[in-house]
Protein backbone atom coordinates (compact mmCIF):
# COMPACT_ATOMS: atom_id res chain seq x y z
CA MET A 1 0.51 -27.10 4.78
CA ARG A 2 -0.11 -24.53 7.54
CA VAL A 3 2.89 -22.21 7.51
CA LEU A 4 3.68 -19.72 10.25
CA VAL A 5 5.33 -16.71 8.60
CA LEU A 6 7.46 -14.37 10.74
CA ASN A 7 8.54 -11.08 9.21
CA ALA A 8 10.72 -9.28 11.76
CA GLY A 9 11.42 -5.69 10.85
CA SER A 10 13.50 -3.03 12.56
CA ARG A 11 10.50 -1.70 14.51
CA THR A 12 7.68 -4.24 14.21
CA THR A 13 7.22 -7.96 13.64
CA LYS A 14 4.41 -9.30 11.50
CA ALA A 15 3.08 -12.84 11.79
CA SER A 16 0.76 -14.72 9.46
CA LEU A 17 -0.68 -18.21 9.41
CA VAL A 18 -0.92 -19.21 5.76
CA ASP A 19 -2.62 -22.29 4.35
CA GLY A 20 -3.10 -23.01 0.66
CA GLY A 21 -2.02 -19.55 -0.41
CA GLU A 22 -4.42 -17.75 1.92
CA ALA A 23 -3.70 -16.03 5.23
CA LEU A 24 -5.94 -17.55 7.89
CA ALA A 25 -4.85 -14.96 10.47
CA ARG A 26 -2.46 -12.03 10.73
CA ALA A 27 -0.96 -10.23 13.71
CA GLU A 28 1.55 -7.46 14.31
CA GLY A 29 3.56 -6.40 17.33
CA LEU A 30 6.72 -4.64 18.36
CA THR A 31 10.10 -6.04 17.40
CA LEU A 32 10.78 -9.20 19.37
CA ASP A 33 13.15 -8.77 22.28
CA ASP A 34 12.63 -12.12 24.03
CA PRO A 35 10.68 -15.40 23.71
CA ALA A 36 7.80 -14.00 25.78
CA ALA A 37 7.28 -11.32 23.13
CA LEU A 38 6.89 -14.05 20.53
CA ASP A 39 4.22 -15.75 22.63
CA ASP A 40 2.33 -12.46 22.92
CA LEU A 41 2.48 -11.97 19.15
CA LEU A 42 1.31 -15.51 18.39
CA GLN A 43 -1.74 -15.06 20.61
CA GLY A 44 -3.06 -12.85 17.83
CA LEU A 45 -3.14 -15.85 15.49
CA GLY A 46 -5.46 -17.85 17.73
CA PRO A 47 -5.16 -20.38 20.55
CA ASP A 48 -3.22 -23.64 20.31
CA LEU A 49 -1.21 -22.60 17.28
CA ARG A 50 0.29 -25.68 15.62
CA PRO A 51 1.95 -24.88 12.30
CA ASP A 52 3.40 -27.51 10.00
CA ALA A 53 6.40 -25.27 9.28
CA VAL A 54 7.84 -21.89 10.23
CA VAL A 55 9.34 -19.47 7.70
CA TYR A 56 11.33 -16.30 8.35
CA ARG A 57 12.11 -13.24 6.28
CA PHE A 58 15.78 -12.28 6.26
CA VAL A 59 16.70 -9.06 4.50
CA HIS A 60 20.26 -10.13 3.68
CA GLY A 61 21.47 -13.50 2.42
CA GLY A 62 24.87 -12.33 1.17
CA THR A 63 26.41 -14.37 -1.63
CA ARG A 64 25.80 -17.62 0.26
CA PHE A 65 21.99 -17.66 0.33
CA THR A 66 20.47 -17.05 -3.09
CA ALA A 67 17.41 -19.24 -2.52
CA PRO A 68 15.27 -20.33 0.46
CA VAL A 69 17.05 -22.68 2.84
CA VAL A 70 16.06 -25.11 5.57
CA VAL A 71 17.48 -23.88 8.87
CA ASP A 72 19.95 -25.82 10.99
CA ASP A 73 22.58 -24.64 13.45
CA ALA A 74 25.15 -24.11 10.70
CA VAL A 75 22.77 -21.91 8.69
CA ALA A 76 21.85 -19.92 11.79
CA GLY A 77 25.54 -19.34 12.47
CA GLU A 78 26.16 -18.10 8.93
CA LEU A 79 23.25 -15.68 9.21
CA GLU A 80 24.94 -14.15 12.25
CA THR A 81 27.90 -13.16 10.08
CA LEU A 82 25.68 -10.97 7.87
CA VAL A 83 24.55 -8.60 10.62
CA ALA A 84 27.00 -5.88 9.54
CA LEU A 85 25.40 -5.79 6.07
CA ALA A 86 21.89 -5.12 7.41
CA PRO A 87 22.29 -3.83 10.97
CA LEU A 88 18.71 -2.60 11.27
CA HIS A 89 17.03 -5.77 10.05
CA GLN A 90 19.23 -8.80 10.61
CA PRO A 91 19.33 -8.73 14.44
CA PRO A 92 15.53 -8.76 14.97
CA ALA A 93 15.20 -11.53 12.39
CA LEU A 94 17.81 -13.56 14.25
CA ARG A 95 15.98 -13.01 17.53
CA ALA A 96 12.74 -14.18 15.95
CA LEU A 97 14.52 -17.24 14.56
CA GLU A 98 15.99 -18.15 17.92
CA ALA A 99 12.71 -17.69 19.77
CA ALA A 100 10.58 -19.60 17.29
CA ARG A 101 13.04 -22.49 16.93
CA ALA A 102 12.79 -22.93 20.70
CA ARG A 103 8.99 -22.60 20.57
CA PHE A 104 8.55 -25.04 17.67
CA PRO A 105 11.54 -27.42 17.90
CA ASP A 106 9.98 -30.26 15.88
CA GLU A 107 8.62 -28.25 12.95
CA PRO A 108 10.81 -27.60 9.89
CA GLN A 109 12.15 -24.07 9.68
CA VAL A 110 12.85 -22.15 6.47
CA CYS A 111 14.56 -18.81 5.80
CA CYS A 112 13.67 -16.68 2.78
CA PHE A 113 15.83 -13.78 1.62
CA ASP A 114 15.05 -10.38 0.14
CA THR A 115 18.39 -10.42 -1.66
CA ALA A 116 17.69 -13.74 -3.41
CA PHE A 117 15.42 -12.24 -6.08
CA HIS A 118 18.31 -10.07 -7.23
CA ALA A 119 20.71 -12.97 -7.77
CA SER A 120 19.85 -12.59 -11.48
CA LEU A 121 21.42 -9.12 -11.71
CA PRO A 122 23.91 -8.89 -14.60
CA GLU A 123 27.52 -8.35 -13.53
CA ALA A 124 27.50 -4.84 -14.99
CA GLU A 125 24.73 -4.06 -12.47
CA TRP A 126 25.99 -5.81 -9.35
CA ARG A 127 29.67 -4.85 -9.71
CA TYR A 128 30.74 -1.40 -8.50
CA PRO A 129 33.40 0.69 -10.29
CA VAL A 130 35.98 0.09 -7.55
CA PRO A 131 39.13 -2.08 -7.54
CA TRP A 132 38.29 -5.49 -8.96
CA ASP A 133 39.12 -7.51 -5.86
CA TRP A 134 36.83 -5.54 -3.52
CA ALA A 135 33.88 -7.74 -4.44
CA ASP A 136 35.64 -10.98 -3.45
CA ARG A 137 37.69 -9.61 -0.53
CA TRP A 138 35.08 -7.49 1.18
CA GLY A 139 31.74 -8.21 -0.47
CA VAL A 140 31.52 -4.74 -2.03
CA ARG A 141 28.86 -5.49 -4.62
CA ARG A 142 25.21 -4.72 -5.17
CA PHE A 143 22.86 -7.19 -3.52
CA GLY A 144 19.50 -5.42 -3.73
CA PHE A 145 16.57 -5.79 -1.32
CA HIS A 146 12.77 -5.95 -1.10
CA GLY A 147 12.98 -8.99 -3.35
CA LEU A 148 10.06 -10.82 -1.72
CA SER A 149 7.85 -7.76 -2.19
CA VAL A 150 8.99 -7.36 -5.80
CA GLU A 151 8.26 -11.02 -6.53
CA TRP A 152 4.71 -10.67 -5.21
CA SER A 153 4.19 -7.42 -7.16
CA VAL A 154 5.33 -9.05 -10.39
CA GLY A 155 2.89 -11.93 -9.91
CA GLU A 156 0.04 -9.52 -9.17
CA ALA A 157 0.90 -7.42 -12.23
CA SER A 158 0.82 -10.55 -14.36
CA ARG A 159 -2.61 -11.45 -13.02
CA ARG A 160 -4.09 -7.98 -13.46
CA LEU A 161 -2.64 -7.39 -16.91
CA GLY A 162 -3.57 -10.87 -18.10
CA ARG A 163 -0.08 -11.56 -19.38
CA PRO A 164 2.51 -14.14 -18.33
CA VAL A 165 5.41 -12.97 -16.19
CA ALA A 166 7.84 -14.06 -18.90
CA ASP A 167 6.35 -11.46 -21.26
CA LEU A 168 6.39 -8.48 -18.89
CA CYS A 169 8.83 -5.61 -18.44
CA LEU A 170 8.06 -3.82 -15.18
CA VAL A 171 9.43 -1.27 -12.78
CA VAL A 172 8.46 -2.00 -9.17
CA ALA A 173 8.69 0.87 -6.69
CA HIS A 174 8.60 -0.37 -3.10
CA LEU A 175 8.08 2.80 -1.08
CA GLY A 176 7.80 2.42 2.68
CA GLY A 177 10.12 2.85 5.63
CA GLY A 178 12.76 1.59 3.22
CA CYS A 179 12.46 2.51 -0.45
CA SER A 180 13.79 0.82 -3.56
CA VAL A 181 13.07 0.57 -7.28
CA THR A 182 13.65 -2.56 -9.35
CA ALA A 183 13.52 -3.20 -13.09
CA VAL A 184 12.13 -6.67 -13.83
CA GLU A 185 12.37 -8.27 -17.27
CA GLY A 186 10.61 -11.60 -17.70
CA GLY A 187 10.50 -12.15 -13.94
CA ARG A 188 14.22 -11.44 -13.45
CA SER A 189 15.75 -8.50 -11.64
CA VAL A 190 17.95 -6.58 -14.08
CA ARG A 191 18.52 -3.34 -12.13
CA THR A 192 17.81 -2.26 -8.56
CA SER A 193 18.54 0.81 -6.49
CA MET A 194 19.70 -0.61 -3.13
CA GLY A 195 23.24 -1.90 -2.89
CA VAL A 196 25.58 -3.65 -0.46
CA THR A 197 23.19 -2.57 2.29
CA PRO A 198 19.63 -1.19 2.32
CA LEU A 199 21.06 2.33 2.67
CA GLU A 200 21.81 3.08 -0.99
CA GLY A 201 19.38 4.55 -3.47
CA LEU A 202 16.22 6.54 -2.80
CA MET A 203 15.55 8.97 0.01
CA MET A 204 13.66 7.06 2.71
CA THR A 205 11.86 7.84 5.96
CA THR A 206 14.95 7.94 8.19
CA ARG A 207 17.65 6.73 5.77
CA SER A 208 19.52 9.11 3.52
CA GLY A 209 19.77 7.00 0.40
CA SER A 210 22.63 7.80 -1.98
CA ILE A 211 24.80 10.83 -1.23
CA ASP A 212 28.29 11.88 -2.29
CA PRO A 213 30.76 9.49 -0.61
CA GLY A 214 33.32 12.28 -0.72
CA ALA A 215 31.24 14.29 1.73
CA MET A 216 31.21 11.36 4.13
CA LEU A 217 34.96 10.85 3.79
CA ARG A 218 35.55 14.52 4.57
CA LEU A 219 33.41 14.41 7.72
CA LEU A 220 35.24 11.30 8.90
CA ALA A 221 38.65 12.77 8.13
CA ASP A 222 37.80 16.02 9.91
CA GLY A 223 36.63 14.11 12.96
CA ALA A 224 33.14 15.65 12.72
CA LEU A 225 31.64 12.16 13.03
CA SER A 226 32.95 8.72 13.94
CA ALA A 227 32.07 5.70 11.82
CA ASP A 228 29.41 4.70 14.35
CA GLY A 229 28.11 8.26 14.50
CA MET A 230 27.92 8.39 10.72
CA SER A 231 25.97 5.14 10.65
CA GLU A 232 23.54 6.45 13.27
CA VAL A 233 22.87 9.64 11.32
CA LEU A 234 22.51 8.03 7.89
CA GLU A 235 20.31 5.18 9.14
CA HIS A 236 18.14 6.88 11.76
CA ARG A 237 18.24 10.67 11.43
CA SER A 238 18.18 11.37 7.71
CA GLY A 239 15.57 11.04 4.95
CA LEU A 240 12.14 12.59 5.54
CA LEU A 241 12.94 13.04 9.22
CA GLY A 242 16.28 14.72 8.66
CA VAL A 243 15.06 17.18 6.04
CA SER A 244 11.67 18.03 7.52
CA GLY A 245 12.70 18.06 11.17
CA VAL A 246 9.12 16.99 11.83
CA SER A 247 8.77 13.23 11.62
CA ALA A 248 9.69 10.07 9.74
CA ASP A 249 5.96 9.49 9.17
CA LEU A 250 5.00 10.87 5.76
CA ARG A 251 1.48 11.66 6.98
CA GLU A 252 2.83 13.98 9.66
CA VAL A 253 5.24 15.58 7.20
CA GLN A 254 2.37 16.19 4.77
CA ALA A 255 0.25 17.74 7.52
CA ALA A 256 3.10 20.07 8.45
CA ALA A 257 3.60 21.04 4.81
CA GLU A 258 -0.09 21.86 4.49
CA ASP A 259 0.28 24.13 7.53
CA GLY A 260 3.03 26.06 5.76
CA ASP A 261 6.16 24.31 7.05
CA THR A 262 8.67 24.93 4.24
CA ARG A 263 11.11 22.22 5.35
CA ALA A 264 8.34 19.65 5.37
CA ALA A 265 7.28 20.71 1.87
CA LEU A 266 10.89 20.48 0.70
CA ALA A 267 11.22 16.98 2.17
CA ILE A 268 8.22 15.79 0.15
CA GLU A 269 9.52 17.49 -3.00
CA MET A 270 12.89 15.77 -2.56
CA PHE A 271 11.27 12.39 -1.89
CA VAL A 272 9.18 12.67 -5.07
CA ALA A 273 12.15 13.82 -7.17
CA ARG A 274 14.39 10.96 -6.06
CA ALA A 275 11.71 8.30 -6.44
CA SER A 276 10.78 9.41 -9.94
CA ALA A 277 14.45 9.65 -10.96
CA ALA A 278 15.03 6.09 -9.75
CA ILE A 279 12.02 4.84 -11.71
CA GLY A 280 13.38 6.50 -14.83
CA ALA A 281 16.83 4.99 -14.26
CA ALA A 282 15.28 1.54 -13.86
CA ALA A 283 13.13 1.93 -16.96
CA VAL A 284 16.12 2.45 -19.26
CA ALA A 285 17.41 -1.00 -18.25
CA LEU A 286 14.36 -2.54 -19.98
CA PRO A 287 13.60 -3.01 -23.69
CA ARG A 288 10.16 -1.48 -23.04
CA LEU A 289 8.01 -0.49 -20.06
CA ASP A 290 4.71 -2.32 -19.64
CA ALA A 291 3.81 -0.94 -16.21
CA VAL A 292 5.05 0.78 -13.08
CA VAL A 293 3.97 -0.97 -9.89
CA PHE A 294 3.76 0.87 -6.57
CA THR A 295 3.81 -1.09 -3.33
CA GLY A 296 4.83 -0.65 0.33
CA GLY A 297 3.15 1.59 2.89
CA ILE A 298 3.82 4.87 1.06
CA GLY A 299 3.44 3.37 -2.39
CA GLU A 300 0.05 1.92 -1.51
CA HIS A 301 -1.49 4.62 0.65
CA ALA A 302 0.09 8.02 -0.08
CA GLY A 303 -2.02 8.90 -3.11
CA ALA A 304 -0.86 12.50 -3.43
CA VAL A 305 2.82 11.55 -3.36
CA ARG A 306 2.23 8.70 -5.80
CA ALA A 307 0.38 11.08 -8.16
CA SER A 308 3.27 13.55 -8.02
CA ILE A 309 5.71 10.79 -8.91
CA VAL A 310 3.53 9.56 -11.78
CA GLU A 311 3.19 13.13 -13.12
CA ARG A 312 6.95 13.21 -13.60
CA LEU A 313 6.87 9.92 -15.55
CA THR A 314 5.12 11.37 -18.61
CA VAL A 315 8.54 11.50 -20.25
CA LEU A 316 8.35 7.69 -20.26
CA GLY A 317 5.21 7.80 -22.37
CA GLY A 318 2.54 7.56 -19.68
CA PRO A 319 3.03 3.97 -18.53
CA THR A 320 0.30 1.84 -16.97
CA VAL A 321 0.34 2.30 -13.20
CA LEU A 322 -0.65 -0.41 -10.72
CA VAL A 323 -0.93 -0.27 -6.94
CA VAL A 324 -0.29 -3.58 -5.16
CA GLU A 325 -0.59 -4.46 -1.49
CA ALA A 326 2.71 -5.85 -0.25
CA ARG A 327 2.26 -9.51 0.75
CA GLU A 328 5.67 -10.95 1.40
CA ASP A 329 4.03 -13.47 3.72
CA LEU A 330 2.28 -15.28 0.86
CA VAL A 331 5.48 -15.42 -1.20
CA MET A 332 7.43 -16.77 1.77
CA ALA A 333 4.82 -19.45 2.54
CA ALA A 334 4.82 -20.58 -1.09
CA GLN A 335 8.63 -20.71 -1.17
CA ALA A 336 8.70 -22.77 2.03
CA GLU A 337 6.11 -25.21 0.73
CA ARG A 338 8.03 -25.74 -2.51
CA LEU A 339 11.32 -26.23 -0.68
CA LEU A 340 9.93 -28.65 1.87
CA GLY A 341 7.89 -30.47 -0.76
CA ASP A 342 10.99 -30.99 -2.88
CA ALA A 343 12.89 -32.22 0.19
CA ILE A 344 10.16 -34.76 0.97
CA ALA A 345 9.97 -35.89 -2.66
CA SER A 346 13.70 -36.48 -2.84
C-alpha cells in the first residue's frame, strides 16, 4: 500500500510517500494556506502521484479519538472542535485535510493522533488536582503529545537493544520546537510532561512550558495582559526566544552564548536544567530505567546540549543513552495500513 503521509506543523508541512515501511520520497514546505500550496508540496514527491491512501498527523484527538480513525465529514467536524486545545497545530492540520480530501476524493483518508499513545496514562497521571468535575465539564486533564514520535522511538530502542518492547522501561525525550518527556513501561505511556495542551512541561523554543499559574492570574487580574495577549506571549514569545532575546533557533542562541551573550547562555542553562529535571521526574514513574532516548531536532542534532543533559543524569546511575531520528511518517503509514486492512478484512 502506497501511503501519502501529511504532517502539518505550525510552521512547516512534511510529506512522505511510504510503501512497505520505507519512505520512497520526502518533501517539506511551508504550512499549507490553500490547495495550491499542497500541489506545490506534492511536486516534491514526484510526478503523477497516486497514493492508495492518505494519512494525516493531528496533534490533539481529545477524549474522542484514542486510536487512528478513517475520515468522513462527521470526523472532520469533530476535529474542528479541538482547535482551542492545540491552536498552533490543529488549524494547519485541518487545512491539509481539507486540501488533500479535495485532491484525492476517492482514496481512503486516515487521521492519526499524537495524544492517542497516552491513552494508557493511569488516572493518577492524567487527572489534575482540581475540582473533580473539571475533567468531565471542561476537559481539564492531561492528554500528552508527541505520541507518534515516542512510539517510533520505543520501537527503535527495542531493535537497538535487542529486547522486546514489553520488557523495556524507557524515558523518551522529544526535544524540538516543542519539547516533552515520556516514561514508557512495556510500550505504554505511564507519565508525560505535556498536559491539556502542548504548552505544559519543559521550556521550549518559543513556548514557556510550566510556570506558576498564580503569576498568570495576577497579570490577568491586573489587566497587564488579556487572555489572548497571554496566549500570544506564552506560545510565541517565551522559551529560548523569550529568555535569550536572540532567537528561537538553538543554534543561533548557542552562537550568541559563545560570543559572550549572558542571556543566551542563561537560556541554554535553563533549557538543560528543565529537560534533565523532566527526565528525572519521568524516571521515577518506572520500576527501573533501561535507557533514555533523545529524539526531535534538538534531541538528535544538538550534541552539546544533549551532553549537558546527560551529565546531570548521573544521579540515575548512568543510563544507556540512545539518539533516534524522529520518523512519525513511518508510524502513521503503518497505523493507516493496519486500520484499512482490518476494515477490508471485516
